[in-house]
């Protein structure tokens, strides 16, 4: 892809951006479907280890920053967590990717996404909040239902499987955590809870 960009002009690079974005979208969709299939077969196995959650979040965000920047949506990270957490890095990246994918698809009017990582009552809290149009109150109880997609002007013409948030919650639970949506005045807010290392004596330290 880098070689193609070097030989392409402005218009060519613009087309390559579209190809790269659609390839990433298809890859995420396939990943979600495979994860859902494993979950349905009770074969979803994760391997939580101790590690730096902030570093994993930062790595995942850098993948999404250019995509959201093209829609004039900025991402900020506030990390006050100063101790190791217990998590599966690949699963956390998939959870965060699914949440940011929803911002990209459904919150086009948003200007920013705030990600906050902190320790709360002996657990790790990862909060993802945007300032977009939000989720209608009547839709909140259903956002984690498999194949559920809100029917309104925001979702008209948007591709997807309706599995992203359902899978994200399953991945959170499989790590001994949880994922919930929080009602706020403006925008959408999701809160991922994960264990701190101290609560998991049998956790394998990261290499």
N, C-alpha and C. Protein backbone atom coordinates (compact mmCIF):
# COMPACT_ATOMS: atom_id res chain seq x y z
N UNK A 1 0.83 -1.20 0.00
CA UNK A 1 0.00 0.00 0.00
C UNK A 1 0.86 1.25 0.00
N UNK A 2 1.97 1.24 0.75
CA UNK A 2 2.86 2.40 0.80
C UNK A 2 3.48 2.68 -0.56
N UNK A 3 3.88 1.61 -1.28
CA UNK A 3 4.46 1.78 -2.61
C UNK A 3 3.43 2.36 -3.57
N UNK A 4 2.18 1.89 -3.43
CA UNK A 4 1.11 2.40 -4.29
C UNK A 4 0.88 3.88 -4.04
N UNK A 5 0.96 4.30 -2.77
CA UNK A 5 0.76 5.71 -2.43
C UNK A 5 1.87 6.58 -3.01
N UNK A 6 3.10 6.06 -3.02
CA UNK A 6 4.23 6.84 -3.53
C UNK A 6 4.09 7.12 -5.03
N UNK A 7 3.49 6.19 -5.75
CA UNK A 7 3.37 6.34 -7.20
C UNK A 7 2.05 6.97 -7.62
N UNK A 8 1.12 7.14 -6.67
CA UNK A 8 -0.19 7.69 -7.00
C UNK A 8 -0.20 9.20 -6.77
N UNK A 9 -1.02 9.88 -7.55
CA UNK A 9 -1.20 11.31 -7.34
C UNK A 9 -2.21 11.57 -6.24
N UNK A 10 -2.65 12.82 -6.13
CA UNK A 10 -3.64 13.20 -5.11
C UNK A 10 -4.92 12.41 -5.28
N UNK A 11 -5.40 12.32 -6.52
CA UNK A 11 -6.65 11.58 -6.78
C UNK A 11 -6.45 10.10 -6.50
N UNK A 12 -5.28 9.58 -6.88
CA UNK A 12 -5.01 8.17 -6.64
C UNK A 12 -4.95 7.84 -5.16
N UNK A 13 -4.33 8.73 -4.39
CA UNK A 13 -4.26 8.50 -2.95
C UNK A 13 -5.63 8.58 -2.31
N UNK A 14 -6.48 9.42 -2.87
CA UNK A 14 -7.84 9.52 -2.35
C UNK A 14 -8.59 8.21 -2.56
N UNK A 15 -8.37 7.61 -3.74
CA UNK A 15 -9.00 6.32 -4.02
C UNK A 15 -8.41 5.23 -3.13
N UNK A 16 -7.10 5.29 -2.88
CA UNK A 16 -6.47 4.31 -2.00
C UNK A 16 -7.00 4.42 -0.58
N UNK A 17 -7.31 5.65 -0.14
CA UNK A 17 -7.91 5.83 1.19
C UNK A 17 -9.23 5.07 1.29
N UNK A 18 -10.03 5.16 0.22
CA UNK A 18 -11.33 4.48 0.19
C UNK A 18 -11.12 2.97 0.23
N UNK A 19 -10.18 2.48 -0.58
CA UNK A 19 -9.89 1.04 -0.62
C UNK A 19 -9.43 0.55 0.75
N UNK A 20 -8.52 1.30 1.37
CA UNK A 20 -7.99 0.91 2.67
C UNK A 20 -9.08 0.91 3.73
N UNK A 21 -9.94 1.92 3.69
CA UNK A 21 -11.02 2.02 4.67
C UNK A 21 -12.01 0.87 4.51
N UNK A 22 -12.37 0.56 3.26
CA UNK A 22 -13.33 -0.52 3.02
C UNK A 22 -12.73 -1.88 3.35
N UNK A 23 -11.44 -2.04 3.08
CA UNK A 23 -10.76 -3.29 3.44
C UNK A 23 -10.76 -3.49 4.95
N UNK A 24 -10.47 -2.40 5.69
CA UNK A 24 -10.48 -2.47 7.15
C UNK A 24 -11.88 -2.78 7.67
N UNK A 25 -12.88 -2.17 7.05
CA UNK A 25 -14.26 -2.39 7.48
C UNK A 25 -14.65 -3.85 7.27
N UNK A 26 -14.28 -4.41 6.10
CA UNK A 26 -14.60 -5.81 5.82
C UNK A 26 -13.87 -6.73 6.79
N UNK A 27 -12.62 -6.41 7.08
CA UNK A 27 -11.85 -7.22 8.03
C UNK A 27 -12.49 -7.21 9.41
N UNK A 28 -12.94 -6.04 9.87
CA UNK A 28 -13.61 -5.95 11.17
C UNK A 28 -14.90 -6.74 11.18
N UNK A 29 -15.64 -6.68 10.08
CA UNK A 29 -16.91 -7.39 10.00
C UNK A 29 -16.68 -8.91 10.09
N UNK A 30 -15.68 -9.40 9.36
CA UNK A 30 -15.37 -10.83 9.40
C UNK A 30 -14.93 -11.23 10.81
N UNK A 31 -14.08 -10.40 11.43
CA UNK A 31 -13.60 -10.68 12.78
C UNK A 31 -14.77 -10.76 13.75
N UNK A 32 -15.72 -9.84 13.62
CA UNK A 32 -16.88 -9.83 14.50
C UNK A 32 -17.75 -11.07 14.32
N UNK A 33 -17.96 -11.45 13.07
CA UNK A 33 -18.79 -12.63 12.80
C UNK A 33 -18.14 -13.89 13.36
N UNK A 34 -16.82 -14.03 13.19
CA UNK A 34 -16.12 -15.20 13.72
C UNK A 34 -16.16 -15.22 15.25
N UNK A 35 -16.00 -14.05 15.86
CA UNK A 35 -16.08 -13.97 17.32
C UNK A 35 -17.47 -14.34 17.81
N UNK A 36 -18.48 -13.85 17.11
CA UNK A 36 -19.86 -14.16 17.48
C UNK A 36 -20.11 -15.66 17.38
N UNK A 37 -19.59 -16.30 16.33
CA UNK A 37 -19.78 -17.74 16.15
C UNK A 37 -19.14 -18.51 17.30
N UNK A 38 -17.94 -18.09 17.72
CA UNK A 38 -17.28 -18.76 18.84
C UNK A 38 -18.08 -18.56 20.13
N UNK A 39 -18.62 -17.37 20.30
CA UNK A 39 -19.41 -17.07 21.50
C UNK A 39 -20.67 -17.94 21.53
N UNK A 40 -21.33 -18.08 20.40
CA UNK A 40 -22.55 -18.89 20.33
C UNK A 40 -22.27 -20.36 20.60
N UNK A 41 -21.08 -20.81 20.24
CA UNK A 41 -20.70 -22.21 20.47
C UNK A 41 -20.05 -22.41 21.84
N UNK A 42 -20.09 -21.36 22.66
CA UNK A 42 -19.46 -21.41 24.00
C UNK A 42 -17.97 -21.72 23.88
N UNK A 43 -17.36 -21.26 22.78
CA UNK A 43 -15.95 -21.54 22.54
C UNK A 43 -15.09 -20.28 22.54
N UNK A 44 -15.63 -19.22 23.15
CA UNK A 44 -14.89 -17.96 23.21
C UNK A 44 -13.91 -18.02 24.38
N UNK A 45 -12.64 -18.16 24.07
CA UNK A 45 -11.62 -18.27 25.11
C UNK A 45 -10.67 -17.08 25.03
N UNK A 46 -10.52 -16.38 26.15
CA UNK A 46 -9.59 -15.26 26.23
C UNK A 46 -8.49 -15.60 27.24
N UNK A 47 -7.42 -14.85 27.18
CA UNK A 47 -6.29 -15.11 28.07
C UNK A 47 -5.84 -13.79 28.71
N UNK A 48 -6.57 -13.35 29.74
CA UNK A 48 -6.20 -12.09 30.41
C UNK A 48 -4.82 -12.20 31.06
N UNK A 49 -4.04 -11.13 30.94
CA UNK A 49 -2.74 -11.04 31.58
C UNK A 49 -2.60 -9.65 32.20
N UNK A 50 -1.61 -9.48 33.04
CA UNK A 50 -1.37 -8.16 33.60
C UNK A 50 -0.68 -7.30 32.55
N UNK A 51 -1.03 -6.02 32.50
CA UNK A 51 -0.42 -5.17 31.50
C UNK A 51 -0.83 -3.72 31.62
N UNK A 52 -0.29 -2.93 30.72
CA UNK A 52 -0.54 -1.49 30.66
C UNK A 52 -1.73 -1.24 29.73
N UNK A 53 -2.89 -1.04 30.30
CA UNK A 53 -4.09 -0.84 29.49
C UNK A 53 -3.98 0.43 28.66
N UNK A 54 -3.38 1.47 29.21
CA UNK A 54 -3.25 2.72 28.48
C UNK A 54 -2.49 2.56 27.18
N UNK A 55 -1.45 1.72 27.18
CA UNK A 55 -0.65 1.50 25.98
C UNK A 55 -1.47 0.79 24.90
N UNK A 56 -2.29 -0.17 25.33
CA UNK A 56 -3.14 -0.91 24.37
C UNK A 56 -4.19 0.02 23.78
N UNK A 57 -4.80 0.85 24.62
CA UNK A 57 -5.81 1.80 24.15
C UNK A 57 -5.19 2.78 23.16
N UNK A 58 -4.01 3.30 23.49
CA UNK A 58 -3.34 4.25 22.61
C UNK A 58 -3.05 3.63 21.25
N UNK A 59 -2.63 2.38 21.24
CA UNK A 59 -2.33 1.69 19.98
C UNK A 59 -3.59 1.53 19.14
N UNK A 60 -4.70 1.16 19.79
CA UNK A 60 -5.96 0.99 19.07
C UNK A 60 -6.48 2.32 18.52
N UNK A 61 -6.32 3.37 19.30
CA UNK A 61 -6.81 4.70 18.89
C UNK A 61 -6.06 5.19 17.66
N UNK A 62 -4.76 4.93 17.57
CA UNK A 62 -3.98 5.41 16.43
C UNK A 62 -4.47 4.80 15.12
N UNK A 63 -5.05 3.62 15.18
CA UNK A 63 -5.62 3.01 13.98
C UNK A 63 -6.84 3.79 13.52
N UNK A 64 -7.62 4.27 14.50
CA UNK A 64 -8.88 4.94 14.20
C UNK A 64 -8.75 6.45 13.99
N UNK A 65 -7.68 7.04 14.49
CA UNK A 65 -7.55 8.49 14.43
C UNK A 65 -7.68 9.05 13.00
N UNK A 66 -6.99 8.47 11.99
CA UNK A 66 -7.13 9.02 10.63
C UNK A 66 -8.55 8.89 10.08
N UNK A 67 -9.21 7.77 10.36
CA UNK A 67 -10.57 7.56 9.85
C UNK A 67 -11.53 8.60 10.42
N UNK A 68 -11.43 8.85 11.72
CA UNK A 68 -12.31 9.82 12.34
C UNK A 68 -11.92 11.25 11.97
N UNK A 69 -10.62 11.48 11.77
CA UNK A 69 -10.17 12.82 11.39
C UNK A 69 -10.76 13.24 10.05
N UNK A 70 -10.96 12.27 9.16
CA UNK A 70 -11.56 12.59 7.86
C UNK A 70 -12.99 13.07 8.01
N UNK A 71 -13.60 12.77 9.16
CA UNK A 71 -14.95 13.26 9.45
C UNK A 71 -14.92 14.38 10.49
N UNK A 72 -13.73 14.95 10.67
CA UNK A 72 -13.53 16.07 11.60
C UNK A 72 -13.89 15.71 13.04
N UNK A 73 -13.60 14.46 13.41
CA UNK A 73 -13.83 14.01 14.79
C UNK A 73 -12.47 13.75 15.43
N UNK A 74 -12.19 14.47 16.50
CA UNK A 74 -10.92 14.31 17.21
C UNK A 74 -11.06 13.30 18.35
N UNK A 75 -9.99 12.59 18.65
CA UNK A 75 -9.99 11.64 19.76
C UNK A 75 -8.98 12.10 20.81
N UNK A 76 -9.41 12.16 22.06
CA UNK A 76 -8.51 12.49 23.15
C UNK A 76 -8.52 11.35 24.17
N UNK A 77 -7.37 11.13 24.80
CA UNK A 77 -7.24 10.08 25.82
C UNK A 77 -6.78 10.72 27.12
N UNK A 78 -7.50 10.44 28.19
CA UNK A 78 -7.10 10.87 29.53
C UNK A 78 -6.89 9.62 30.37
N UNK A 79 -5.65 9.39 30.77
CA UNK A 79 -5.31 8.16 31.49
C UNK A 79 -4.74 8.49 32.87
N UNK A 80 -5.51 8.19 33.91
CA UNK A 80 -5.03 8.41 35.28
C UNK A 80 -4.77 7.08 35.99
N UNK A 81 -4.82 5.99 35.25
CA UNK A 81 -4.57 4.66 35.82
C UNK A 81 -3.06 4.47 35.99
N UNK A 82 -2.62 4.27 37.20
CA UNK A 82 -1.17 4.16 37.45
C UNK A 82 -0.77 2.79 37.99
N UNK A 83 -1.55 1.77 37.63
CA UNK A 83 -1.23 0.41 38.06
C UNK A 83 -1.68 -0.58 36.99
N UNK A 84 -1.11 -1.79 36.97
CA UNK A 84 -1.46 -2.75 35.93
C UNK A 84 -2.93 -3.19 36.04
N UNK A 85 -3.48 -3.52 34.91
CA UNK A 85 -4.84 -4.06 34.85
C UNK A 85 -4.76 -5.50 34.37
N UNK A 86 -5.88 -6.20 34.43
CA UNK A 86 -5.97 -7.59 33.98
C UNK A 86 -6.89 -7.63 32.78
N UNK A 87 -6.35 -7.96 31.59
CA UNK A 87 -7.17 -7.91 30.39
C UNK A 87 -6.52 -8.72 29.27
N UNK A 88 -7.33 -9.01 28.26
CA UNK A 88 -6.84 -9.63 27.03
C UNK A 88 -6.68 -8.50 26.01
N UNK A 89 -5.45 -8.24 25.59
CA UNK A 89 -5.17 -7.09 24.75
C UNK A 89 -5.95 -7.11 23.43
N UNK A 90 -5.98 -8.28 22.76
CA UNK A 90 -6.70 -8.37 21.49
C UNK A 90 -8.18 -8.08 21.68
N UNK A 91 -8.74 -8.59 22.77
CA UNK A 91 -10.16 -8.37 23.03
C UNK A 91 -10.46 -6.91 23.31
N UNK A 92 -9.60 -6.25 24.08
CA UNK A 92 -9.79 -4.83 24.36
C UNK A 92 -9.73 -4.02 23.07
N UNK A 93 -8.80 -4.34 22.20
CA UNK A 93 -8.70 -3.63 20.92
C UNK A 93 -9.95 -3.85 20.09
N UNK A 94 -10.51 -5.05 20.12
CA UNK A 94 -11.73 -5.31 19.35
C UNK A 94 -12.92 -4.57 19.96
N UNK A 95 -13.01 -4.54 21.27
CA UNK A 95 -14.09 -3.81 21.94
C UNK A 95 -14.02 -2.33 21.58
N UNK A 96 -12.84 -1.75 21.74
CA UNK A 96 -12.68 -0.32 21.45
C UNK A 96 -12.91 -0.03 19.98
N UNK A 97 -12.43 -0.93 19.12
CA UNK A 97 -12.65 -0.76 17.69
C UNK A 97 -14.12 -0.76 17.33
N UNK A 98 -14.90 -1.64 17.95
CA UNK A 98 -16.33 -1.68 17.68
C UNK A 98 -17.03 -0.41 18.15
N UNK A 99 -16.59 0.13 19.29
CA UNK A 99 -17.21 1.36 19.78
C UNK A 99 -16.86 2.56 18.90
N UNK A 100 -15.60 2.64 18.47
CA UNK A 100 -15.20 3.74 17.61
C UNK A 100 -15.79 3.60 16.21
N UNK A 101 -16.00 2.37 15.78
CA UNK A 101 -16.67 2.14 14.50
C UNK A 101 -18.08 2.71 14.53
N UNK A 102 -18.76 2.55 15.66
CA UNK A 102 -20.10 3.10 15.79
C UNK A 102 -20.09 4.62 15.72
N UNK A 103 -19.07 5.24 16.32
CA UNK A 103 -18.96 6.70 16.23
C UNK A 103 -18.79 7.12 14.78
N UNK A 104 -17.91 6.42 14.08
CA UNK A 104 -17.65 6.75 12.68
C UNK A 104 -18.91 6.60 11.82
N UNK A 105 -19.71 5.58 12.11
CA UNK A 105 -20.89 5.30 11.29
C UNK A 105 -22.10 6.13 11.67
N UNK A 106 -22.33 6.30 12.98
CA UNK A 106 -23.60 6.86 13.43
C UNK A 106 -23.51 8.26 14.06
N UNK A 107 -22.29 8.74 14.32
CA UNK A 107 -22.16 10.04 14.99
C UNK A 107 -21.39 11.02 14.12
N UNK A 108 -21.80 11.12 12.85
CA UNK A 108 -21.09 11.96 11.90
C UNK A 108 -21.07 13.43 12.32
N UNK A 109 -22.05 13.85 13.11
CA UNK A 109 -22.11 15.25 13.55
C UNK A 109 -21.24 15.51 14.77
N UNK A 110 -20.61 14.48 15.29
CA UNK A 110 -19.76 14.64 16.48
C UNK A 110 -18.49 15.41 16.11
N UNK A 111 -17.88 16.03 17.10
CA UNK A 111 -16.61 16.73 16.90
C UNK A 111 -15.49 16.09 17.70
N UNK A 112 -15.84 15.28 18.70
CA UNK A 112 -14.80 14.67 19.52
C UNK A 112 -15.27 13.39 20.19
N UNK A 113 -14.30 12.54 20.47
CA UNK A 113 -14.50 11.34 21.28
C UNK A 113 -13.52 11.43 22.44
N UNK A 114 -14.02 11.33 23.65
CA UNK A 114 -13.18 11.36 24.83
C UNK A 114 -13.07 9.96 25.41
N UNK A 115 -11.84 9.50 25.61
CA UNK A 115 -11.60 8.20 26.23
C UNK A 115 -10.90 8.44 27.56
N UNK A 116 -11.48 7.96 28.63
CA UNK A 116 -10.93 8.16 29.96
C UNK A 116 -10.67 6.80 30.61
N UNK A 117 -9.47 6.63 31.13
CA UNK A 117 -9.08 5.39 31.80
C UNK A 117 -8.74 5.73 33.25
N UNK A 118 -9.39 5.04 34.19
CA UNK A 118 -9.15 5.34 35.60
C UNK A 118 -9.45 4.13 36.45
N UNK A 119 -9.05 4.20 37.72
CA UNK A 119 -9.40 3.17 38.69
C UNK A 119 -10.59 3.68 39.49
N UNK A 120 -11.64 2.86 39.55
CA UNK A 120 -12.86 3.24 40.25
C UNK A 120 -13.33 2.09 41.12
N UNK A 121 -13.31 2.30 42.43
CA UNK A 121 -13.81 1.31 43.39
C UNK A 121 -13.19 -0.07 43.17
N UNK A 122 -11.87 -0.09 43.03
CA UNK A 122 -11.17 -1.35 42.91
C UNK A 122 -11.25 -2.01 41.55
N UNK A 123 -11.74 -1.30 40.57
CA UNK A 123 -11.83 -1.84 39.21
C UNK A 123 -11.29 -0.80 38.22
N UNK A 124 -11.03 -1.22 37.01
CA UNK A 124 -10.61 -0.30 35.96
C UNK A 124 -11.84 0.15 35.18
N UNK A 125 -11.94 1.44 34.94
CA UNK A 125 -13.03 1.98 34.14
C UNK A 125 -12.46 2.62 32.88
N UNK A 126 -12.95 2.17 31.73
CA UNK A 126 -12.60 2.75 30.45
C UNK A 126 -13.88 3.35 29.87
N UNK A 127 -13.92 4.67 29.82
CA UNK A 127 -15.14 5.38 29.40
C UNK A 127 -14.92 5.98 28.02
N UNK A 128 -15.83 5.69 27.10
CA UNK A 128 -15.76 6.22 25.74
C UNK A 128 -17.01 7.06 25.50
N UNK A 129 -16.80 8.35 25.29
CA UNK A 129 -17.94 9.27 25.17
C UNK A 129 -17.76 10.20 23.97
N UNK A 130 -18.81 10.34 23.17
CA UNK A 130 -18.77 11.27 22.04
C UNK A 130 -19.82 12.36 22.23
N UNK A 131 -19.74 13.39 21.42
CA UNK A 131 -20.71 14.49 21.51
C UNK A 131 -21.63 14.53 20.30
N UNK A 132 -21.90 13.35 19.75
CA UNK A 132 -22.78 13.25 18.59
C UNK A 132 -24.25 13.28 18.97
N UNK A 133 -25.12 12.78 18.10
CA UNK A 133 -26.57 12.83 18.34
C UNK A 133 -27.05 11.91 19.45
N UNK A 134 -26.22 10.96 19.86
CA UNK A 134 -26.61 10.07 20.96
C UNK A 134 -27.53 8.95 20.52
N UNK A 135 -28.00 8.21 21.51
CA UNK A 135 -28.88 7.06 21.29
C UNK A 135 -30.25 7.37 21.89
N UNK A 136 -31.32 7.24 21.11
CA UNK A 136 -32.65 7.51 21.67
C UNK A 136 -32.90 6.67 22.93
N UNK A 137 -33.55 7.26 23.91
CA UNK A 137 -33.74 6.60 25.20
C UNK A 137 -34.41 5.23 25.04
N UNK A 138 -35.37 5.13 24.13
CA UNK A 138 -36.09 3.86 23.96
C UNK A 138 -35.21 2.78 23.34
N UNK A 139 -34.08 3.20 22.74
CA UNK A 139 -33.18 2.23 22.11
C UNK A 139 -32.15 1.67 23.11
N UNK A 140 -31.91 2.37 24.20
CA UNK A 140 -30.83 2.00 25.12
C UNK A 140 -30.90 0.56 25.62
N UNK A 141 -32.11 0.03 25.97
CA UNK A 141 -32.15 -1.36 26.47
C UNK A 141 -31.78 -2.41 25.43
N UNK A 142 -31.70 -2.01 24.15
CA UNK A 142 -31.52 -3.00 23.08
C UNK A 142 -30.17 -2.92 22.38
N UNK A 143 -29.33 -1.94 22.74
CA UNK A 143 -28.12 -1.72 21.94
C UNK A 143 -27.15 -2.90 21.95
N UNK A 144 -27.24 -3.76 22.99
CA UNK A 144 -26.34 -4.91 23.06
C UNK A 144 -26.98 -6.19 22.52
N UNK A 145 -28.20 -6.09 22.01
CA UNK A 145 -28.86 -7.26 21.44
C UNK A 145 -28.21 -7.62 20.10
N UNK A 146 -27.94 -8.89 19.89
CA UNK A 146 -27.34 -9.32 18.63
C UNK A 146 -28.27 -9.02 17.46
N UNK A 147 -27.70 -8.48 16.39
CA UNK A 147 -28.38 -8.14 15.14
C UNK A 147 -29.33 -6.96 15.28
N UNK A 148 -29.35 -6.32 16.44
CA UNK A 148 -30.25 -5.17 16.61
C UNK A 148 -29.63 -3.93 15.98
N UNK A 149 -30.41 -3.23 15.19
CA UNK A 149 -29.97 -1.97 14.62
C UNK A 149 -31.11 -0.97 14.72
N UNK A 150 -30.79 0.20 15.25
CA UNK A 150 -31.79 1.25 15.38
C UNK A 150 -32.29 1.65 14.01
N UNK A 151 -33.57 1.93 13.92
CA UNK A 151 -34.17 2.34 12.65
C UNK A 151 -34.48 3.83 12.69
N UNK A 152 -33.58 4.63 12.14
CA UNK A 152 -33.81 6.07 12.06
C UNK A 152 -32.96 6.64 10.94
N UNK A 153 -32.99 7.95 10.78
CA UNK A 153 -32.27 8.58 9.68
C UNK A 153 -30.77 8.37 9.77
N UNK A 154 -30.24 8.22 11.01
CA UNK A 154 -28.81 8.06 11.19
C UNK A 154 -28.30 6.73 10.67
N UNK A 155 -29.14 5.71 10.71
CA UNK A 155 -28.70 4.38 10.29
C UNK A 155 -29.07 4.07 8.85
N UNK A 156 -29.81 4.96 8.21
CA UNK A 156 -30.23 4.73 6.83
C UNK A 156 -29.00 4.68 5.92
N UNK A 157 -28.83 3.56 5.22
CA UNK A 157 -27.72 3.44 4.29
C UNK A 157 -26.40 3.07 4.92
N UNK A 158 -26.37 2.83 6.23
CA UNK A 158 -25.13 2.46 6.91
C UNK A 158 -25.00 0.94 6.92
N UNK A 159 -23.84 0.44 6.45
CA UNK A 159 -23.64 -1.00 6.42
C UNK A 159 -23.20 -1.51 7.78
N UNK A 160 -23.50 -2.79 8.03
CA UNK A 160 -23.08 -3.39 9.30
C UNK A 160 -23.89 -4.64 9.58
N UNK A 161 -23.44 -5.39 10.58
CA UNK A 161 -24.11 -6.65 10.93
C UNK A 161 -25.02 -6.53 12.14
N UNK A 162 -24.86 -5.45 12.91
CA UNK A 162 -25.61 -5.33 14.15
C UNK A 162 -25.05 -6.20 15.26
N UNK A 163 -23.78 -6.62 15.10
CA UNK A 163 -23.16 -7.52 16.07
C UNK A 163 -22.11 -6.82 16.95
N UNK A 164 -21.65 -5.66 16.54
CA UNK A 164 -20.51 -5.03 17.18
C UNK A 164 -20.61 -4.88 18.68
N UNK A 165 -21.69 -4.29 19.17
CA UNK A 165 -21.82 -4.05 20.61
C UNK A 165 -22.14 -5.33 21.37
N UNK A 166 -22.87 -6.24 20.74
CA UNK A 166 -23.15 -7.52 21.37
C UNK A 166 -21.85 -8.29 21.60
N UNK A 167 -20.99 -8.28 20.61
CA UNK A 167 -19.69 -8.95 20.72
C UNK A 167 -18.81 -8.24 21.74
N UNK A 168 -18.83 -6.92 21.72
CA UNK A 168 -18.02 -6.15 22.67
C UNK A 168 -18.39 -6.50 24.11
N UNK A 169 -19.68 -6.62 24.39
CA UNK A 169 -20.09 -6.98 25.76
C UNK A 169 -19.66 -8.41 26.09
N UNK A 170 -19.81 -9.35 25.13
CA UNK A 170 -19.40 -10.73 25.38
C UNK A 170 -17.90 -10.80 25.68
N UNK A 171 -17.11 -10.02 24.97
CA UNK A 171 -15.67 -10.00 25.20
C UNK A 171 -15.34 -9.40 26.57
N UNK A 172 -16.11 -8.40 26.97
CA UNK A 172 -15.90 -7.80 28.30
C UNK A 172 -16.19 -8.81 29.40
N UNK A 173 -17.31 -9.50 29.30
CA UNK A 173 -17.71 -10.48 30.31
C UNK A 173 -16.70 -11.63 30.37
N UNK A 174 -16.19 -12.04 29.22
CA UNK A 174 -15.24 -13.15 29.16
C UNK A 174 -13.92 -12.81 29.87
N UNK A 175 -13.69 -11.52 30.11
CA UNK A 175 -12.48 -11.09 30.84
C UNK A 175 -12.77 -10.80 32.31
N UNK A 176 -13.97 -11.14 32.75
CA UNK A 176 -14.35 -10.85 34.12
C UNK A 176 -14.79 -9.42 34.32
N UNK A 177 -15.21 -8.77 33.23
CA UNK A 177 -15.64 -7.38 33.30
C UNK A 177 -17.07 -7.19 32.84
N UNK A 178 -17.36 -5.98 32.40
CA UNK A 178 -18.71 -5.66 31.92
C UNK A 178 -18.63 -4.49 30.95
N UNK A 179 -19.68 -4.32 30.16
CA UNK A 179 -19.79 -3.19 29.24
C UNK A 179 -21.22 -2.70 29.28
N UNK A 180 -21.40 -1.41 29.57
CA UNK A 180 -22.74 -0.84 29.66
C UNK A 180 -22.80 0.50 28.95
N UNK A 181 -24.00 0.89 28.59
CA UNK A 181 -24.23 2.21 28.01
C UNK A 181 -24.80 3.11 29.11
N UNK A 182 -24.34 4.35 29.14
CA UNK A 182 -24.76 5.30 30.17
C UNK A 182 -25.55 6.42 29.50
N UNK A 183 -26.70 6.74 30.05
CA UNK A 183 -27.51 7.82 29.49
C UNK A 183 -26.91 9.16 29.89
N UNK A 184 -26.63 9.99 28.89
CA UNK A 184 -26.09 11.33 29.14
C UNK A 184 -26.92 12.35 28.36
N UNK A 185 -26.70 13.63 28.66
CA UNK A 185 -27.51 14.67 28.03
C UNK A 185 -27.24 14.79 26.54
N UNK A 186 -25.98 14.67 26.15
CA UNK A 186 -25.64 14.81 24.74
C UNK A 186 -24.60 13.77 24.36
N UNK A 187 -24.84 13.07 23.26
CA UNK A 187 -23.90 12.08 22.78
C UNK A 187 -24.17 10.69 23.35
N UNK A 188 -23.22 9.81 23.10
CA UNK A 188 -23.31 8.43 23.59
C UNK A 188 -22.13 8.15 24.50
N UNK A 189 -22.34 7.33 25.51
CA UNK A 189 -21.28 7.02 26.46
C UNK A 189 -21.33 5.54 26.82
N UNK A 190 -20.20 4.85 26.62
CA UNK A 190 -20.09 3.44 26.98
C UNK A 190 -18.99 3.29 28.03
N UNK A 191 -19.24 2.42 28.99
CA UNK A 191 -18.29 2.22 30.08
C UNK A 191 -17.89 0.75 30.14
N UNK A 192 -16.60 0.50 29.91
CA UNK A 192 -16.03 -0.84 30.02
C UNK A 192 -15.37 -0.96 31.38
N UNK A 193 -15.75 -1.99 32.14
CA UNK A 193 -15.15 -2.26 33.45
C UNK A 193 -14.30 -3.52 33.35
N UNK A 194 -13.07 -3.43 33.84
CA UNK A 194 -12.15 -4.57 33.84
C UNK A 194 -11.52 -4.71 35.22
N UNK A 195 -11.03 -5.90 35.55
CA UNK A 195 -10.40 -6.09 36.87
C UNK A 195 -9.03 -5.41 36.96
N UNK A 196 -8.71 -4.96 38.15
CA UNK A 196 -7.33 -4.58 38.45
C UNK A 196 -6.53 -5.84 38.74
N UNK A 197 -5.24 -5.76 38.59
CA UNK A 197 -4.39 -6.94 38.79
C UNK A 197 -4.56 -7.53 40.18
N UNK A 198 -4.73 -6.66 41.21
CA UNK A 198 -4.80 -7.14 42.58
C UNK A 198 -5.96 -8.08 42.83
N UNK A 199 -6.99 -8.01 42.01
CA UNK A 199 -8.17 -8.85 42.22
C UNK A 199 -8.04 -10.20 41.51
N UNK A 200 -6.90 -10.43 40.85
CA UNK A 200 -6.73 -11.66 40.06
C UNK A 200 -5.38 -12.29 40.40
N UNK A 201 -5.33 -13.09 41.44
CA UNK A 201 -4.07 -13.67 41.90
C UNK A 201 -3.51 -14.70 40.94
N UNK A 202 -4.35 -15.27 40.05
CA UNK A 202 -3.87 -16.32 39.15
C UNK A 202 -3.56 -15.80 37.75
N UNK A 203 -3.46 -14.49 37.62
CA UNK A 203 -3.21 -13.91 36.32
C UNK A 203 -1.75 -14.12 35.92
N UNK A 204 -1.54 -14.41 34.64
CA UNK A 204 -0.18 -14.58 34.12
C UNK A 204 0.41 -13.22 33.77
N UNK A 205 1.58 -12.87 34.31
CA UNK A 205 2.20 -11.58 33.97
C UNK A 205 2.52 -11.51 32.48
N UNK A 206 2.38 -10.32 31.92
CA UNK A 206 2.70 -10.15 30.52
C UNK A 206 4.21 -10.26 30.32
N UNK A 207 4.60 -10.83 29.18
CA UNK A 207 6.03 -10.98 28.89
C UNK A 207 6.67 -9.64 28.58
